[in-house]
Amino acid sequence: MSNIFKGRAAWVFEDNFDVDLIVGVKNISTTDMTMLKADVMQSYDKEFKESVKSGDFLVGGSNFGYGHPHPQPMMVMRELGIHAVIAQSFAFPFFRSELASGMALITCPDALKKVSRWDELELDIEKEVLINLSTGERLTLDPIPPVILEMINAGGVVNYLRALTADHPG
């Protein structure tokens, strides 16, 4: 499986971003994808759902995912084609929850300082580098533990555990 991905920075969030704001607090208990899509990013960019493309990234500052780790915001982002979240750091409950769901969460200390909205990006997970193709800058990712990389490649914890137990039935 290739670990090189190209896409755009569909949105750049500041430090301590509460992901519930992506769909609005009123939607944190629904799993109705039509409702979630209708309200996604409405407080930020009413045209977001029309402008995001499959393979795009979200970029954030430190403590991305602050707050309660509700799954709805990232459910709709996956549905819209967001491939990964690249942030300076993640709130632990969010990180655990989203890694389990299969979202690639990549830590890059300079992400917020060196990436702007709609910049073209190339993410090389194996080489632990993010290249901002719009500016030519190469940003170093924090090391990705092998087990985390395996979970990302498997598409989440459930698929990772299925693969592990397939070799050891019973």
N, C-alpha and C. Protein backbone atom coordinates (compact mmCIF):
# COMPACT_ATOMS: atom_id res chain seq x y z
N MET A 1 0.84 -1.19 0.00
CA MET A 1 0.00 0.00 0.00
C MET A 1 0.88 1.25 0.00
N SER A 2 0.56 2.17 -0.87
CA SER A 2 1.31 3.41 -0.93
C SER A 2 0.99 4.28 0.28
N ASN A 3 1.97 4.90 0.81
CA ASN A 3 1.77 5.82 1.92
C ASN A 3 2.10 7.25 1.53
N ILE A 4 1.91 7.57 0.25
CA ILE A 4 2.09 8.93 -0.24
C ILE A 4 0.73 9.42 -0.73
N PHE A 5 0.29 10.55 -0.20
CA PHE A 5 -1.02 11.08 -0.52
C PHE A 5 -0.92 12.54 -0.91
N LYS A 6 -1.67 12.93 -1.94
CA LYS A 6 -1.70 14.32 -2.37
C LYS A 6 -3.12 14.84 -2.23
N GLY A 7 -3.22 16.07 -1.76
CA GLY A 7 -4.51 16.70 -1.61
C GLY A 7 -4.31 18.15 -1.22
N ARG A 8 -5.41 18.80 -0.94
CA ARG A 8 -5.36 20.21 -0.58
C ARG A 8 -5.69 20.38 0.90
N ALA A 9 -5.25 21.48 1.45
CA ALA A 9 -5.64 21.84 2.81
C ALA A 9 -7.04 22.46 2.72
N ALA A 10 -8.06 21.64 2.91
CA ALA A 10 -9.44 22.10 2.74
C ALA A 10 -9.85 23.09 3.82
N TRP A 11 -9.21 22.99 4.99
CA TRP A 11 -9.47 23.95 6.05
C TRP A 11 -8.29 23.93 7.00
N VAL A 12 -7.98 25.08 7.60
CA VAL A 12 -6.92 25.19 8.60
C VAL A 12 -7.55 25.74 9.88
N PHE A 13 -7.53 24.91 10.93
CA PHE A 13 -8.13 25.26 12.22
C PHE A 13 -7.05 25.75 13.18
N GLU A 14 -7.42 26.66 14.06
CA GLU A 14 -6.50 27.18 15.07
C GLU A 14 -6.32 26.19 16.22
N ASP A 15 -5.52 26.56 17.21
CA ASP A 15 -5.30 25.74 18.39
C ASP A 15 -6.60 25.49 19.14
N ASN A 16 -6.64 24.37 19.87
CA ASN A 16 -7.76 24.02 20.76
C ASN A 16 -9.10 24.01 20.05
N PHE A 17 -9.13 23.43 18.85
CA PHE A 17 -10.37 23.41 18.09
C PHE A 17 -11.26 22.25 18.55
N ASP A 18 -12.50 22.59 18.88
CA ASP A 18 -13.51 21.61 19.28
C ASP A 18 -14.21 21.13 18.01
N VAL A 19 -14.00 19.87 17.64
CA VAL A 19 -14.53 19.36 16.38
C VAL A 19 -16.05 19.35 16.33
N ASP A 20 -16.74 19.41 17.46
CA ASP A 20 -18.20 19.46 17.43
C ASP A 20 -18.68 20.66 16.62
N LEU A 21 -17.89 21.70 16.55
CA LEU A 21 -18.27 22.90 15.80
C LEU A 21 -18.33 22.64 14.29
N ILE A 22 -17.74 21.56 13.83
CA ILE A 22 -17.78 21.21 12.40
C ILE A 22 -19.21 20.96 11.95
N VAL A 23 -20.01 20.31 12.78
CA VAL A 23 -21.40 20.02 12.42
C VAL A 23 -22.41 20.79 13.27
N GLY A 24 -21.92 21.52 14.23
CA GLY A 24 -22.81 22.24 15.13
C GLY A 24 -23.22 21.35 16.29
N VAL A 25 -23.26 21.92 17.46
CA VAL A 25 -23.54 21.17 18.67
C VAL A 25 -24.91 20.50 18.59
N LYS A 26 -25.86 21.09 17.87
CA LYS A 26 -27.19 20.48 17.77
C LYS A 26 -27.17 19.13 17.07
N ASN A 27 -26.11 18.83 16.32
CA ASN A 27 -26.05 17.59 15.54
C ASN A 27 -25.16 16.52 16.15
N ILE A 28 -24.68 16.70 17.37
CA ILE A 28 -23.73 15.73 17.91
C ILE A 28 -24.35 14.41 18.31
N SER A 29 -25.67 14.31 18.25
CA SER A 29 -26.29 13.03 18.59
C SER A 29 -26.95 12.36 17.40
N THR A 30 -26.81 12.93 16.21
CA THR A 30 -27.42 12.31 15.03
C THR A 30 -26.39 11.54 14.22
N THR A 31 -26.85 10.51 13.55
CA THR A 31 -25.99 9.79 12.60
C THR A 31 -26.56 9.92 11.19
N ASP A 32 -27.55 10.78 11.02
CA ASP A 32 -28.17 11.02 9.73
C ASP A 32 -27.20 11.82 8.85
N MET A 33 -26.59 11.14 7.89
CA MET A 33 -25.56 11.77 7.07
C MET A 33 -26.11 12.94 6.27
N THR A 34 -27.36 12.88 5.86
CA THR A 34 -27.96 14.00 5.11
C THR A 34 -27.99 15.25 5.97
N MET A 35 -28.38 15.09 7.23
CA MET A 35 -28.40 16.23 8.16
C MET A 35 -26.99 16.75 8.42
N LEU A 36 -26.06 15.83 8.66
CA LEU A 36 -24.69 16.24 8.95
C LEU A 36 -24.09 16.99 7.77
N LYS A 37 -24.30 16.47 6.56
CA LYS A 37 -23.77 17.15 5.37
C LYS A 37 -24.39 18.53 5.19
N ALA A 38 -25.67 18.64 5.50
CA ALA A 38 -26.36 19.93 5.34
C ALA A 38 -25.77 21.00 6.25
N ASP A 39 -25.28 20.60 7.42
CA ASP A 39 -24.79 21.57 8.39
C ASP A 39 -23.27 21.65 8.50
N VAL A 40 -22.54 20.82 7.77
CA VAL A 40 -21.09 20.78 7.91
C VAL A 40 -20.46 22.15 7.60
N MET A 41 -19.67 22.62 8.54
CA MET A 41 -18.88 23.84 8.42
C MET A 41 -19.70 25.11 8.15
N GLN A 42 -20.99 25.08 8.47
CA GLN A 42 -21.85 26.23 8.18
C GLN A 42 -21.42 27.50 8.91
N SER A 43 -20.80 27.37 10.06
CA SER A 43 -20.34 28.56 10.80
C SER A 43 -19.06 29.14 10.22
N TYR A 44 -18.42 28.41 9.32
CA TYR A 44 -17.12 28.82 8.78
C TYR A 44 -17.18 29.14 7.29
N ASP A 45 -17.78 28.26 6.52
CA ASP A 45 -17.79 28.40 5.07
C ASP A 45 -19.01 27.65 4.54
N LYS A 46 -20.02 28.37 4.15
CA LYS A 46 -21.27 27.75 3.70
C LYS A 46 -21.08 26.92 2.42
N GLU A 47 -19.99 27.14 1.69
CA GLU A 47 -19.72 26.40 0.45
C GLU A 47 -18.73 25.26 0.66
N PHE A 48 -18.37 24.98 1.91
CA PHE A 48 -17.35 23.97 2.18
C PHE A 48 -17.65 22.63 1.53
N LYS A 49 -18.86 22.12 1.70
CA LYS A 49 -19.18 20.79 1.20
C LYS A 49 -19.12 20.72 -0.33
N GLU A 50 -19.30 21.85 -0.99
CA GLU A 50 -19.19 21.86 -2.45
C GLU A 50 -17.74 22.00 -2.92
N SER A 51 -16.88 22.58 -2.09
CA SER A 51 -15.51 22.85 -2.53
C SER A 51 -14.51 21.78 -2.10
N VAL A 52 -14.84 20.98 -1.08
CA VAL A 52 -13.92 19.94 -0.63
C VAL A 52 -13.92 18.80 -1.65
N LYS A 53 -12.74 18.19 -1.84
CA LYS A 53 -12.60 17.07 -2.79
C LYS A 53 -12.06 15.85 -2.06
N SER A 54 -12.36 14.71 -2.61
CA SER A 54 -11.83 13.47 -2.06
C SER A 54 -10.31 13.52 -2.06
N GLY A 55 -9.71 13.19 -0.93
CA GLY A 55 -8.25 13.23 -0.80
C GLY A 55 -7.73 14.47 -0.09
N ASP A 56 -8.60 15.44 0.15
CA ASP A 56 -8.18 16.66 0.84
C ASP A 56 -7.84 16.37 2.31
N PHE A 57 -7.20 17.33 2.94
CA PHE A 57 -6.78 17.22 4.33
C PHE A 57 -7.40 18.34 5.16
N LEU A 58 -7.50 18.10 6.46
CA LEU A 58 -7.75 19.15 7.42
C LEU A 58 -6.43 19.41 8.12
N VAL A 59 -6.16 20.65 8.44
CA VAL A 59 -4.91 21.02 9.11
C VAL A 59 -5.30 21.77 10.38
N GLY A 60 -4.57 21.50 11.46
CA GLY A 60 -4.89 22.16 12.71
C GLY A 60 -3.68 22.48 13.55
N GLY A 61 -3.93 23.24 14.58
CA GLY A 61 -2.88 23.62 15.52
C GLY A 61 -2.75 22.59 16.62
N SER A 62 -2.41 23.07 17.80
CA SER A 62 -2.22 22.14 18.92
C SER A 62 -3.56 21.81 19.57
N ASN A 63 -3.63 20.64 20.17
CA ASN A 63 -4.81 20.15 20.89
C ASN A 63 -6.03 20.06 19.98
N PHE A 64 -5.82 19.67 18.72
CA PHE A 64 -6.93 19.50 17.79
C PHE A 64 -7.87 18.41 18.32
N GLY A 65 -9.17 18.68 18.27
CA GLY A 65 -10.14 17.71 18.76
C GLY A 65 -10.50 17.92 20.21
N TYR A 66 -10.13 19.05 20.75
CA TYR A 66 -10.45 19.42 22.13
C TYR A 66 -11.95 19.24 22.36
N GLY A 67 -12.33 18.82 23.53
CA GLY A 67 -13.74 18.64 23.87
C GLY A 67 -14.09 17.17 23.93
N HIS A 68 -15.34 16.88 23.75
CA HIS A 68 -15.80 15.49 23.78
C HIS A 68 -15.53 14.83 22.42
N PRO A 69 -15.14 13.57 22.42
CA PRO A 69 -14.82 12.91 21.15
C PRO A 69 -16.05 12.34 20.44
N HIS A 70 -16.99 13.21 20.07
CA HIS A 70 -18.15 12.75 19.32
C HIS A 70 -17.73 12.33 17.91
N PRO A 71 -18.26 11.25 17.40
CA PRO A 71 -17.82 10.76 16.08
C PRO A 71 -18.41 11.50 14.88
N GLN A 72 -19.51 12.21 15.05
CA GLN A 72 -20.21 12.81 13.92
C GLN A 72 -19.37 13.76 13.07
N PRO A 73 -18.57 14.66 13.66
CA PRO A 73 -17.80 15.57 12.81
C PRO A 73 -16.86 14.84 11.84
N MET A 74 -16.17 13.84 12.31
CA MET A 74 -15.24 13.14 11.42
C MET A 74 -15.96 12.13 10.53
N MET A 75 -17.15 11.67 10.96
CA MET A 75 -17.95 10.81 10.07
C MET A 75 -18.27 11.56 8.79
N VAL A 76 -18.74 12.80 8.94
CA VAL A 76 -19.11 13.58 7.76
C VAL A 76 -17.86 13.98 6.97
N MET A 77 -16.75 14.25 7.65
CA MET A 77 -15.52 14.59 6.92
C MET A 77 -15.04 13.40 6.09
N ARG A 78 -15.11 12.19 6.65
CA ARG A 78 -14.75 11.00 5.86
C ARG A 78 -15.69 10.85 4.67
N GLU A 79 -16.98 11.08 4.90
CA GLU A 79 -17.98 10.99 3.83
C GLU A 79 -17.68 11.99 2.71
N LEU A 80 -17.17 13.17 3.06
CA LEU A 80 -16.83 14.18 2.07
C LEU A 80 -15.48 13.91 1.40
N GLY A 81 -14.73 12.92 1.90
CA GLY A 81 -13.48 12.55 1.26
C GLY A 81 -12.21 13.02 1.95
N ILE A 82 -12.33 13.62 3.13
CA ILE A 82 -11.13 14.04 3.85
C ILE A 82 -10.29 12.80 4.15
N HIS A 83 -9.03 12.84 3.76
CA HIS A 83 -8.16 11.68 3.91
C HIS A 83 -7.47 11.62 5.26
N ALA A 84 -7.06 12.78 5.77
CA ALA A 84 -6.29 12.80 7.02
C ALA A 84 -6.43 14.15 7.68
N VAL A 85 -6.14 14.16 8.98
CA VAL A 85 -6.02 15.40 9.73
C VAL A 85 -4.55 15.53 10.10
N ILE A 86 -3.97 16.65 9.75
CA ILE A 86 -2.57 16.94 10.05
C ILE A 86 -2.58 18.10 11.05
N ALA A 87 -2.08 17.86 12.25
CA ALA A 87 -2.13 18.90 13.27
C ALA A 87 -0.85 18.90 14.09
N GLN A 88 -0.65 19.99 14.82
CA GLN A 88 0.52 20.10 15.69
C GLN A 88 0.43 19.10 16.84
N SER A 89 -0.76 18.89 17.36
CA SER A 89 -1.00 17.86 18.37
C SER A 89 -2.50 17.61 18.44
N PHE A 90 -2.86 16.48 19.06
CA PHE A 90 -4.26 16.09 19.16
C PHE A 90 -4.65 15.89 20.62
N ALA A 91 -5.91 16.21 20.93
CA ALA A 91 -6.46 15.87 22.23
C ALA A 91 -6.55 14.34 22.26
N PHE A 92 -6.11 13.74 23.37
CA PHE A 92 -6.02 12.28 23.42
C PHE A 92 -7.34 11.56 23.17
N PRO A 93 -8.47 11.97 23.79
CA PRO A 93 -9.72 11.24 23.50
C PRO A 93 -10.10 11.28 22.02
N PHE A 94 -9.89 12.43 21.37
CA PHE A 94 -10.15 12.54 19.95
C PHE A 94 -9.23 11.62 19.16
N PHE A 95 -7.95 11.63 19.49
CA PHE A 95 -6.97 10.80 18.79
C PHE A 95 -7.35 9.33 18.88
N ARG A 96 -7.65 8.88 20.07
CA ARG A 96 -8.01 7.47 20.29
C ARG A 96 -9.27 7.11 19.50
N SER A 97 -10.27 7.95 19.56
CA SER A 97 -11.55 7.69 18.90
C SER A 97 -11.40 7.66 17.38
N GLU A 98 -10.72 8.64 16.84
CA GLU A 98 -10.61 8.73 15.38
C GLU A 98 -9.65 7.71 14.79
N LEU A 99 -8.59 7.39 15.51
CA LEU A 99 -7.70 6.33 15.04
C LEU A 99 -8.47 5.03 14.97
N ALA A 100 -9.31 4.79 15.96
CA ALA A 100 -10.14 3.58 15.97
C ALA A 100 -11.08 3.55 14.77
N SER A 101 -11.54 4.71 14.34
CA SER A 101 -12.48 4.79 13.22
C SER A 101 -11.81 4.78 11.86
N GLY A 102 -10.50 4.88 11.84
CA GLY A 102 -9.79 4.79 10.57
C GLY A 102 -9.33 6.10 9.98
N MET A 103 -9.52 7.21 10.68
CA MET A 103 -9.02 8.48 10.16
C MET A 103 -7.52 8.55 10.42
N ALA A 104 -6.76 8.89 9.40
CA ALA A 104 -5.32 9.07 9.57
C ALA A 104 -5.09 10.40 10.28
N LEU A 105 -4.45 10.32 11.44
CA LEU A 105 -4.13 11.50 12.24
C LEU A 105 -2.61 11.64 12.28
N ILE A 106 -2.12 12.71 11.72
CA ILE A 106 -0.69 12.90 11.53
C ILE A 106 -0.24 14.13 12.30
N THR A 107 0.80 13.97 13.12
CA THR A 107 1.31 15.09 13.90
C THR A 107 2.48 15.74 13.18
N CYS A 108 2.34 17.04 12.97
CA CYS A 108 3.37 17.84 12.28
C CYS A 108 3.50 19.16 13.05
N PRO A 109 4.62 19.33 13.78
CA PRO A 109 4.78 20.51 14.64
C PRO A 109 4.64 21.86 13.94
N ASP A 110 4.96 21.95 12.65
CA ASP A 110 4.91 23.24 11.95
C ASP A 110 3.68 23.40 11.06
N ALA A 111 2.72 22.50 11.17
CA ALA A 111 1.57 22.51 10.27
C ALA A 111 0.85 23.85 10.25
N LEU A 112 0.51 24.37 11.41
CA LEU A 112 -0.27 25.60 11.46
C LEU A 112 0.51 26.80 10.95
N LYS A 113 1.82 26.80 11.15
CA LYS A 113 2.65 27.93 10.72
C LYS A 113 2.96 27.91 9.23
N LYS A 114 2.96 26.74 8.62
CA LYS A 114 3.48 26.61 7.26
C LYS A 114 2.46 26.18 6.21
N VAL A 115 1.20 26.04 6.60
CA VAL A 115 0.18 25.61 5.64
C VAL A 115 -0.99 26.59 5.69
N SER A 116 -1.45 26.99 4.51
CA SER A 116 -2.62 27.85 4.38
C SER A 116 -3.72 27.10 3.65
N ARG A 117 -4.93 27.59 3.81
CA ARG A 117 -6.05 26.94 3.14
C ARG A 117 -5.82 26.87 1.63
N TRP A 118 -6.15 25.74 1.08
CA TRP A 118 -6.05 25.38 -0.34
C TRP A 118 -4.64 25.13 -0.82
N ASP A 119 -3.64 25.19 0.07
CA ASP A 119 -2.30 24.78 -0.35
C ASP A 119 -2.36 23.32 -0.81
N GLU A 120 -1.62 23.03 -1.85
CA GLU A 120 -1.48 21.64 -2.34
C GLU A 120 -0.43 20.97 -1.47
N LEU A 121 -0.76 19.79 -0.95
CA LEU A 121 0.12 19.09 -0.03
C LEU A 121 0.42 17.68 -0.52
N GLU A 122 1.61 17.20 -0.17
CA GLU A 122 1.97 15.80 -0.39
C GLU A 122 2.41 15.24 0.95
N LEU A 123 1.71 14.23 1.40
CA LEU A 123 1.99 13.59 2.68
C LEU A 123 2.66 12.25 2.41
N ASP A 124 3.88 12.10 2.89
CA ASP A 124 4.61 10.83 2.77
C ASP A 124 4.75 10.27 4.18
N ILE A 125 3.86 9.36 4.51
CA ILE A 125 3.81 8.82 5.86
C ILE A 125 5.06 8.01 6.18
N GLU A 126 5.54 7.22 5.23
CA GLU A 126 6.72 6.37 5.48
C GLU A 126 7.97 7.20 5.75
N LYS A 127 8.15 8.27 4.96
CA LYS A 127 9.33 9.13 5.13
C LYS A 127 9.11 10.20 6.19
N GLU A 128 7.89 10.25 6.74
CA GLU A 128 7.54 11.20 7.79
C GLU A 128 7.81 12.64 7.38
N VAL A 129 7.26 12.99 6.20
CA VAL A 129 7.43 14.34 5.69
C VAL A 129 6.13 14.83 5.05
N LEU A 130 5.86 16.11 5.23
CA LEU A 130 4.75 16.78 4.57
C LEU A 130 5.36 17.85 3.68
N ILE A 131 5.08 17.79 2.41
CA ILE A 131 5.61 18.78 1.47
C ILE A 131 4.47 19.70 1.07
N ASN A 132 4.67 20.99 1.31
CA ASN A 132 3.71 21.97 0.86
C ASN A 132 4.09 22.28 -0.59
N LEU A 133 3.38 21.68 -1.53
CA LEU A 133 3.70 21.84 -2.94
C LEU A 133 3.47 23.27 -3.43
N SER A 134 2.64 24.02 -2.72
CA SER A 134 2.37 25.41 -3.09
C SER A 134 3.52 26.33 -2.74
N THR A 135 4.28 26.00 -1.67
CA THR A 135 5.38 26.86 -1.24
C THR A 135 6.75 26.20 -1.40
N GLY A 136 6.76 24.88 -1.57
CA GLY A 136 8.01 24.14 -1.68
C GLY A 136 8.62 23.73 -0.34
N GLU A 137 7.96 24.10 0.75
CA GLU A 137 8.51 23.77 2.08
C GLU A 137 8.29 22.31 2.43
N ARG A 138 9.32 21.72 3.08
CA ARG A 138 9.26 20.34 3.57
C ARG A 138 9.15 20.40 5.09
N LEU A 139 8.10 19.79 5.61
CA LEU A 139 7.85 19.80 7.05
C LEU A 139 8.03 18.38 7.59
N THR A 140 8.74 18.28 8.70
CA THR A 140 8.98 16.98 9.31
C THR A 140 7.81 16.60 10.20
N LEU A 141 7.34 15.36 10.03
CA LEU A 141 6.28 14.83 10.88
C LEU A 141 6.90 14.28 12.15
N ASP A 142 6.12 14.23 13.22
CA ASP A 142 6.56 13.50 14.40
C ASP A 142 6.63 12.02 14.02
N PRO A 143 7.56 11.28 14.61
CA PRO A 143 7.64 9.85 14.30
C PRO A 143 6.31 9.16 14.54
N ILE A 144 5.97 8.26 13.63
CA ILE A 144 4.71 7.51 13.74
C ILE A 144 5.06 6.11 14.22
N PRO A 145 4.60 5.73 15.42
CA PRO A 145 4.90 4.38 15.90
C PRO A 145 4.39 3.32 14.92
N PRO A 146 5.14 2.25 14.74
CA PRO A 146 4.75 1.21 13.77
C PRO A 146 3.32 0.69 13.95
N VAL A 147 2.89 0.50 15.18
CA VAL A 147 1.54 -0.02 15.40
C VAL A 147 0.48 0.99 14.96
N ILE A 148 0.75 2.28 15.12
CA ILE A 148 -0.18 3.31 14.65
C ILE A 148 -0.22 3.31 13.13
N LEU A 149 0.92 3.17 12.49
CA LEU A 149 0.98 3.10 11.03
C LEU A 149 0.20 1.88 10.54
N GLU A 150 0.33 0.76 11.22
CA GLU A 150 -0.42 -0.44 10.84
C GLU A 150 -1.92 -0.21 10.96
N MET A 151 -2.34 0.49 12.02
CA MET A 151 -3.77 0.79 12.20
C MET A 151 -4.28 1.72 11.10
N ILE A 152 -3.48 2.73 10.75
CA ILE A 152 -3.86 3.65 9.67
C ILE A 152 -3.99 2.87 8.37
N ASN A 153 -3.00 2.04 8.07
CA ASN A 153 -3.03 1.27 6.83
C ASN A 153 -4.19 0.28 6.78
N ALA A 154 -4.59 -0.23 7.94
CA ALA A 154 -5.71 -1.18 8.00
C ALA A 154 -7.06 -0.48 7.91
N GLY A 155 -7.09 0.82 8.13
CA GLY A 155 -8.36 1.54 8.10
C GLY A 155 -9.04 1.60 9.45
N GLY A 156 -8.26 1.47 10.52
CA GLY A 156 -8.82 1.58 11.86
C GLY A 156 -8.51 0.37 12.72
N VAL A 157 -8.85 0.49 13.98
CA VAL A 157 -8.54 -0.55 14.96
C VAL A 157 -9.27 -1.86 14.66
N VAL A 158 -10.54 -1.78 14.30
CA VAL A 158 -11.31 -3.00 14.05
C VAL A 158 -10.68 -3.81 12.92
N ASN A 159 -10.36 -3.16 11.82
CA ASN A 159 -9.73 -3.87 10.70
C ASN A 159 -8.34 -4.39 11.07
N TYR A 160 -7.62 -3.61 11.85
CA TYR A 160 -6.30 -4.03 12.32
C TYR A 160 -6.41 -5.30 13.16
N LEU A 161 -7.36 -5.32 14.09
CA LEU A 161 -7.53 -6.50 14.94
C LEU A 161 -8.04 -7.70 14.15
N ARG A 162 -8.91 -7.46 13.18
CA ARG A 162 -9.37 -8.56 12.31
C ARG A 162 -8.20 -9.19 11.58
N ALA A 163 -7.30 -8.35 11.07
CA ALA A 163 -6.13 -8.87 10.36
C ALA A 163 -5.23 -9.67 11.29
N LEU A 164 -5.07 -9.19 12.51
CA LEU A 164 -4.25 -9.92 13.49
C LEU A 164 -4.84 -11.26 13.84
N THR A 165 -6.15 -11.29 14.06
CA THR A 165 -6.79 -12.55 14.47
C THR A 165 -7.02 -13.49 13.31
N ALA A 166 -7.00 -13.01 12.07
CA ALA A 166 -7.18 -13.88 10.91
C ALA A 166 -6.03 -14.89 10.83
N ASP A 167 -4.86 -14.47 11.28
CA ASP A 167 -3.69 -15.36 11.28
C ASP A 167 -3.71 -16.32 12.46
N HIS A 168 -4.56 -16.03 13.46
CA HIS A 168 -4.62 -16.85 14.67
C HIS A 168 -6.06 -17.15 15.05
N PRO A 169 -6.79 -17.92 14.24
CA PRO A 169 -8.20 -18.19 14.56
C PRO A 169 -8.34 -18.99 15.86
N GLY A 170 -9.45 -18.72 16.53
CA GLY A 170 -9.78 -19.49 17.72
C GLY A 170 -9.06 -19.04 18.87
